[in-house]
């Protein structure tokens, strides 16, 4: 758990804090525009399908 997670636990002691999911996209502030498509899109879809049951969102 990160330091910010600890702060969240302190601020919300009765909460159930789930594991997050992250993927890399574009870095628009640096002028890198990225549209997720093709293999990257398929990989992220598969990753999310695996992640949702892990956090108990779907069975």
PDB file of N, CA and C in Angstrom:
ATOM      1  N   UNK A   1       0.845  -1.181   0.000  1.00  0.00           N
ATOM      2  CA  UNK A   1       0.000   0.000   0.000  1.00  0.00           C
ATOM      3  C   UNK A   1       0.885   1.236   0.000  1.00  0.00           C
ATOM      4  N   UNK A   2       0.473   2.232  -0.729  1.00  0.00           N
ATOM      5  CA  UNK A   2       1.257   3.456  -0.813  1.00  0.00           C
ATOM      6  C   UNK A   2       0.946   4.361   0.364  1.00  0.00           C
ATOM      7  N   UNK A   3       1.732   5.419   0.485  1.00  0.00           N
ATOM      8  CA  UNK A   3       1.498   6.395   1.547  1.00  0.00           C
ATOM      9  C   UNK A   3       0.113   7.011   1.413  1.00  0.00           C
ATOM     10  N   UNK A   4      -0.304   7.307   0.169  1.00  0.00           N
ATOM     11  CA  UNK A   4      -1.629   7.894  -0.024  1.00  0.00           C
ATOM     12  C   UNK A   4      -2.715   6.915   0.391  1.00  0.00           C
ATOM     13  N   UNK A   5      -2.472   5.596   0.218  1.00  0.00           N
ATOM     14  CA  UNK A   5      -3.430   4.593   0.665  1.00  0.00           C
ATOM     15  C   UNK A   5      -3.606   4.647   2.166  1.00  0.00           C
ATOM     16  N   UNK A   6      -2.518   4.844   2.880  1.00  0.00           N
ATOM     17  CA  UNK A   6      -2.579   4.952   4.331  1.00  0.00           C
ATOM     18  C   UNK A   6      -3.408   6.159   4.733  1.00  0.00           C
ATOM     19  N   UNK A   7      -3.222   7.278   4.061  1.00  0.00           N
ATOM     20  CA  UNK A   7      -4.009   8.479   4.351  1.00  0.00           C
ATOM     21  C   UNK A   7      -5.479   8.220   4.079  1.00  0.00           C
ATOM     22  N   UNK A   8      -5.774   7.509   3.003  1.00  0.00           N
ATOM     23  CA  UNK A   8      -7.166   7.175   2.691  1.00  0.00           C
ATOM     24  C   UNK A   8      -7.753   6.295   3.787  1.00  0.00           C
ATOM     25  N   UNK A   9      -6.996   5.325   4.245  1.00  0.00           N
ATOM     26  CA  UNK A   9      -7.479   4.460   5.326  1.00  0.00           C
ATOM     27  C   UNK A   9      -7.758   5.264   6.592  1.00  0.00           C
ATOM     28  N   UNK A  10      -6.926   6.243   6.858  1.00  0.00           N
ATOM     29  CA  UNK A  10      -7.125   7.071   8.048  1.00  0.00           C
ATOM     30  C   UNK A  10      -8.355   7.959   7.910  1.00  0.00           C
ATOM     31  N   UNK A  11      -8.561   8.501   6.710  1.00  0.00           N
ATOM     32  CA  UNK A  11      -9.700   9.385   6.474  1.00  0.00           C
ATOM     33  C   UNK A  11     -11.008   8.618   6.330  1.00  0.00           C
ATOM     34  N   UNK A  12     -10.922   7.380   5.883  1.00  0.00           N
ATOM     35  CA  UNK A  12     -12.117   6.559   5.638  1.00  0.00           C
ATOM     36  C   UNK A  12     -11.950   5.200   6.310  1.00  0.00           C
ATOM     37  N   UNK A  13     -11.944   5.153   7.627  1.00  0.00           N
ATOM     38  CA  UNK A  13     -11.605   3.917   8.331  1.00  0.00           C
ATOM     39  C   UNK A  13     -12.567   2.758   8.096  1.00  0.00           C
ATOM     40  N   UNK A  14     -13.780   3.024   7.719  1.00  0.00           N
ATOM     41  CA  UNK A  14     -14.760   1.952   7.514  1.00  0.00           C
ATOM     42  C   UNK A  14     -14.931   1.596   6.042  1.00  0.00           C
ATOM     43  N   UNK A  15     -13.979   1.999   5.214  1.00  0.00           N
ATOM     44  CA  UNK A  15     -14.066   1.755   3.778  1.00  0.00           C
ATOM     45  C   UNK A  15     -13.321   0.498   3.381  1.00  0.00           C
ATOM     46  N   UNK A  16     -13.743  -0.076   2.278  1.00  0.00           N
ATOM     47  CA  UNK A  16     -13.061  -1.218   1.681  1.00  0.00           C
ATOM     48  C   UNK A  16     -12.282  -0.693   0.482  1.00  0.00           C
ATOM     49  N   UNK A  17     -10.989  -0.563   0.620  1.00  0.00           N
ATOM     50  CA  UNK A  17     -10.152   0.006  -0.440  1.00  0.00           C
ATOM     51  C   UNK A  17      -9.672  -1.129  -1.334  1.00  0.00           C
ATOM     52  N   UNK A  18     -10.071  -1.075  -2.593  1.00  0.00           N
ATOM     53  CA  UNK A  18      -9.758  -2.123  -3.558  1.00  0.00           C
ATOM     54  C   UNK A  18      -8.477  -1.812  -4.319  1.00  0.00           C
ATOM     55  N   UNK A  19      -7.890  -2.849  -4.891  1.00  0.00           N
ATOM     56  CA  UNK A  19      -6.702  -2.675  -5.728  1.00  0.00           C
ATOM     57  C   UNK A  19      -7.090  -1.943  -7.005  1.00  0.00           C
ATOM     58  N   UNK A  20      -6.266  -1.041  -7.426  1.00  0.00           N
ATOM     59  CA  UNK A  20      -6.537  -0.274  -8.635  1.00  0.00           C
ATOM     60  C   UNK A  20      -6.020  -0.947  -9.887  1.00  0.00           C
ATOM     61  N   UNK A  21      -6.393  -0.397 -11.019  1.00  0.00           N
ATOM     62  CA  UNK A  21      -5.907  -0.868 -12.317  1.00  0.00           C
ATOM     63  C   UNK A  21      -5.406   0.349 -13.074  1.00  0.00           C
ATOM     64  N   UNK A  22      -4.299   0.186 -13.750  1.00  0.00           N
ATOM     65  CA  UNK A  22      -3.737   1.296 -14.508  1.00  0.00           C
ATOM     66  C   UNK A  22      -3.164   0.770 -15.818  1.00  0.00           C
ATOM     67  N   UNK A  23      -3.280   1.580 -16.849  1.00  0.00           N
ATOM     68  CA  UNK A  23      -2.665   1.263 -18.128  1.00  0.00           C
ATOM     69  C   UNK A  23      -2.088   2.548 -18.694  1.00  0.00           C
ATOM     70  N   UNK A  24      -1.093   2.422 -19.528  1.00  0.00           N
ATOM     71  CA  UNK A  24      -0.464   3.609 -20.092  1.00  0.00           C
ATOM     72  C   UNK A  24      -1.162   4.001 -21.385  1.00  0.00           C
ATOM     73  N   UNK A  25      -1.452   5.265 -21.490  1.00  0.00           N
ATOM     74  CA  UNK A  25      -2.068   5.810 -22.697  1.00  0.00           C
ATOM     75  C   UNK A  25      -1.193   6.905 -23.253  1.00  0.00           C
ATOM     76  N   UNK A  26      -1.814   7.932 -23.772  1.00  0.00           N
ATOM     77  CA  UNK A  26      -1.066   9.059 -24.312  1.00  0.00           C
ATOM     78  C   UNK A  26      -0.541   9.969 -23.217  1.00  0.00           C
ATOM     79  N   UNK A  27       0.412  10.770 -23.570  1.00  0.00           N
ATOM     80  CA  UNK A  27       0.945  11.776 -22.656  1.00  0.00           C
ATOM     81  C   UNK A  27       0.709  13.121 -23.350  1.00  0.00           C
ATOM     82  N   UNK A  28      -0.560  13.528 -23.313  1.00  0.00           N
ATOM     83  CA  UNK A  28      -0.963  14.702 -24.082  1.00  0.00           C
ATOM     84  C   UNK A  28      -0.191  15.953 -23.706  1.00  0.00           C
ATOM     85  N   UNK A  29       0.166  16.080 -22.453  1.00  0.00           N
ATOM     86  CA  UNK A  29       0.895  17.287 -22.039  1.00  0.00           C
ATOM     87  C   UNK A  29       2.244  17.384 -22.736  1.00  0.00           C
ATOM     88  N   UNK A  30       2.782  16.213 -23.161  1.00  0.00           N
ATOM     89  CA  UNK A  30       4.054  16.176 -23.880  1.00  0.00           C
ATOM     90  C   UNK A  30       3.855  16.074 -25.390  1.00  0.00           C
ATOM     91  N   UNK A  31       2.595  16.216 -25.830  1.00  0.00           N
ATOM     92  CA  UNK A  31       2.312  16.173 -27.265  1.00  0.00           C
ATOM     93  C   UNK A  31       2.237  14.772 -27.842  1.00  0.00           C
ATOM     94  N   UNK A  32       2.148  13.749 -26.979  1.00  0.00           N
ATOM     95  CA  UNK A  32       2.053  12.376 -27.458  1.00  0.00           C
ATOM     96  C   UNK A  32       0.593  11.949 -27.368  1.00  0.00           C
ATOM     97  N   UNK A  33      -0.058  11.903 -28.519  1.00  0.00           N
ATOM     98  CA  UNK A  33      -1.453  11.509 -28.581  1.00  0.00           C
ATOM     99  C   UNK A  33      -1.491  10.009 -28.853  1.00  0.00           C
ATOM    100  N   UNK A  34      -2.263   9.284 -28.063  1.00  0.00           N
ATOM    101  CA  UNK A  34      -2.312   7.833 -28.191  1.00  0.00           C
ATOM    102  C   UNK A  34      -3.756   7.380 -28.209  1.00  0.00           C
ATOM    103  N   UNK A  35      -4.126   6.708 -29.272  1.00  0.00           N
ATOM    104  CA  UNK A  35      -5.453   6.112 -29.360  1.00  0.00           C
ATOM    105  C   UNK A  35      -5.271   4.622 -29.160  1.00  0.00           C
ATOM    106  N   UNK A  36      -5.934   4.092 -28.148  1.00  0.00           N
ATOM    107  CA  UNK A  36      -5.774   2.677 -27.851  1.00  0.00           C
ATOM    108  C   UNK A  36      -6.533   1.868 -28.896  1.00  0.00           C
ATOM    109  N   UNK A  37      -5.807   1.085 -29.660  1.00  0.00           N
ATOM    110  CA  UNK A  37      -6.442   0.258 -30.673  1.00  0.00           C
ATOM    111  C   UNK A  37      -5.580  -0.964 -30.959  1.00  0.00           C
ATOM    112  N   UNK A  38      -6.105  -1.863 -31.735  1.00  0.00           N
ATOM    113  CA  UNK A  38      -5.412  -3.078 -32.167  1.00  0.00           C
ATOM    114  C   UNK A  38      -4.981  -3.928 -30.974  1.00  0.00           C
ATOM    115  N   UNK A  39      -3.732  -4.347 -30.956  1.00  0.00           N
ATOM    116  CA  UNK A  39      -3.248  -5.265 -29.919  1.00  0.00           C
ATOM    117  C   UNK A  39      -3.296  -4.656 -28.521  1.00  0.00           C
ATOM    118  N   UNK A  40      -2.977  -3.376 -28.398  1.00  0.00           N
ATOM    119  CA  UNK A  40      -3.017  -2.727 -27.081  1.00  0.00           C
ATOM    120  C   UNK A  40      -4.439  -2.733 -26.528  1.00  0.00           C
ATOM    121  N   UNK A  41      -5.399  -2.431 -27.376  1.00  0.00           N
ATOM    122  CA  UNK A  41      -6.799  -2.436 -26.951  1.00  0.00           C
ATOM    123  C   UNK A  41      -7.215  -3.835 -26.493  1.00  0.00           C
ATOM    124  N   UNK A  42      -6.869  -4.848 -27.245  1.00  0.00           N
ATOM    125  CA  UNK A  42      -7.218  -6.230 -26.890  1.00  0.00           C
ATOM    126  C   UNK A  42      -6.553  -6.641 -25.576  1.00  0.00           C
ATOM    127  N   UNK A  43      -5.292  -6.252 -25.404  1.00  0.00           N
ATOM    128  CA  UNK A  43      -4.579  -6.615 -24.178  1.00  0.00           C
ATOM    129  C   UNK A  43      -5.212  -5.957 -22.959  1.00  0.00           C
ATOM    130  N   UNK A  44      -5.577  -4.699 -23.073  1.00  0.00           N
ATOM    131  CA  UNK A  44      -6.202  -3.994 -21.950  1.00  0.00           C
ATOM    132  C   UNK A  44      -7.563  -4.609 -21.635  1.00  0.00           C
ATOM    133  N   UNK A  45      -8.322  -4.968 -22.658  1.00  0.00           N
ATOM    134  CA  UNK A  45      -9.614  -5.618 -22.419  1.00  0.00           C
ATOM    135  C   UNK A  45      -9.430  -6.911 -21.625  1.00  0.00           C
ATOM    136  N   UNK A  46      -8.453  -7.707 -22.009  1.00  0.00           N
ATOM    137  CA  UNK A  46      -8.183  -8.955 -21.306  1.00  0.00           C
ATOM    138  C   UNK A  46      -7.713  -8.692 -19.865  1.00  0.00           C
ATOM    139  N   UNK A  47      -6.840  -7.704 -19.712  1.00  0.00           N
ATOM    140  CA  UNK A  47      -6.347  -7.354 -18.371  1.00  0.00           C
ATOM    141  C   UNK A  47      -7.497  -6.944 -17.452  1.00  0.00           C
ATOM    142  N   UNK A  48      -8.414  -6.139 -17.971  1.00  0.00           N
ATOM    143  CA  UNK A  48      -9.544  -5.670 -17.162  1.00  0.00           C
ATOM    144  C   UNK A  48     -10.467  -6.836 -16.828  1.00  0.00           C
ATOM    145  N   UNK A  49     -10.677  -7.743 -17.777  1.00  0.00           N
ATOM    146  CA  UNK A  49     -11.510  -8.922 -17.515  1.00  0.00           C
ATOM    147  C   UNK A  49     -10.914  -9.776 -16.401  1.00  0.00           C
ATOM    148  N   UNK A  50      -9.610  -9.829 -16.301  1.00  0.00           N
ATOM    149  CA  UNK A  50      -8.948 -10.568 -15.228  1.00  0.00           C
ATOM    150  C   UNK A  50      -8.993  -9.793 -13.907  1.00  0.00           C
ATOM    151  N   UNK A  51      -8.858  -8.471 -13.997  1.00  0.00           N
ATOM    152  CA  UNK A  51      -8.783  -7.623 -12.806  1.00  0.00           C
ATOM    153  C   UNK A  51     -10.125  -7.513 -12.075  1.00  0.00           C
ATOM    154  N   UNK A  52     -11.222  -7.396 -12.815  1.00  0.00           N
ATOM    155  CA  UNK A  52     -12.520  -7.201 -12.180  1.00  0.00           C
ATOM    156  C   UNK A  52     -12.872  -8.326 -11.200  1.00  0.00           C
ATOM    157  N   UNK A  53     -12.706  -9.600 -11.558  1.00  0.00           N
ATOM    158  CA  UNK A  53     -12.967 -10.646 -10.569  1.00  0.00           C
ATOM    159  C   UNK A  53     -12.000 -10.601  -9.380  1.00  0.00           C
ATOM    160  N   UNK A  54     -10.774 -10.182  -9.626  1.00  0.00           N
ATOM    161  CA  UNK A  54      -9.796 -10.106  -8.535  1.00  0.00           C
ATOM    162  C   UNK A  54     -10.232  -9.138  -7.443  1.00  0.00           C
ATOM    163  N   UNK A  55     -10.912  -8.062  -7.834  1.00  0.00           N
ATOM    164  CA  UNK A  55     -11.368  -7.093  -6.837  1.00  0.00           C
ATOM    165  C   UNK A  55     -12.799  -7.367  -6.384  1.00  0.00           C
ATOM    166  N   UNK A  56     -13.384  -8.444  -6.913  1.00  0.00           N
ATOM    167  CA  UNK A  56     -14.734  -8.824  -6.491  1.00  0.00           C
ATOM    168  C   UNK A  56     -15.841  -8.050  -7.166  1.00  0.00           C
ATOM    169  N   UNK A  57     -15.541  -7.385  -8.278  1.00  0.00           N
ATOM    170  CA  UNK A  57     -16.547  -6.603  -8.959  1.00  0.00           C
ATOM    171  C   UNK A  57     -17.464  -7.485  -9.819  1.00  0.00           C
ATOM    172  N   UNK A  58     -16.914  -8.526 -10.403  1.00  0.00           N
ATOM    173  CA  UNK A  58     -17.701  -9.498 -11.167  1.00  0.00           C
ATOM    174  C   UNK A  58     -17.218 -10.887 -10.801  1.00  0.00           C
ATOM    175  N   UNK A  59     -18.061 -11.853 -11.040  1.00  0.00           N
ATOM    176  CA  UNK A  59     -17.689 -13.239 -10.704  1.00  0.00           C
ATOM    177  C   UNK A  59     -17.564 -14.079 -11.946  1.00  0.00           C
TER     178      UNK A  59
END
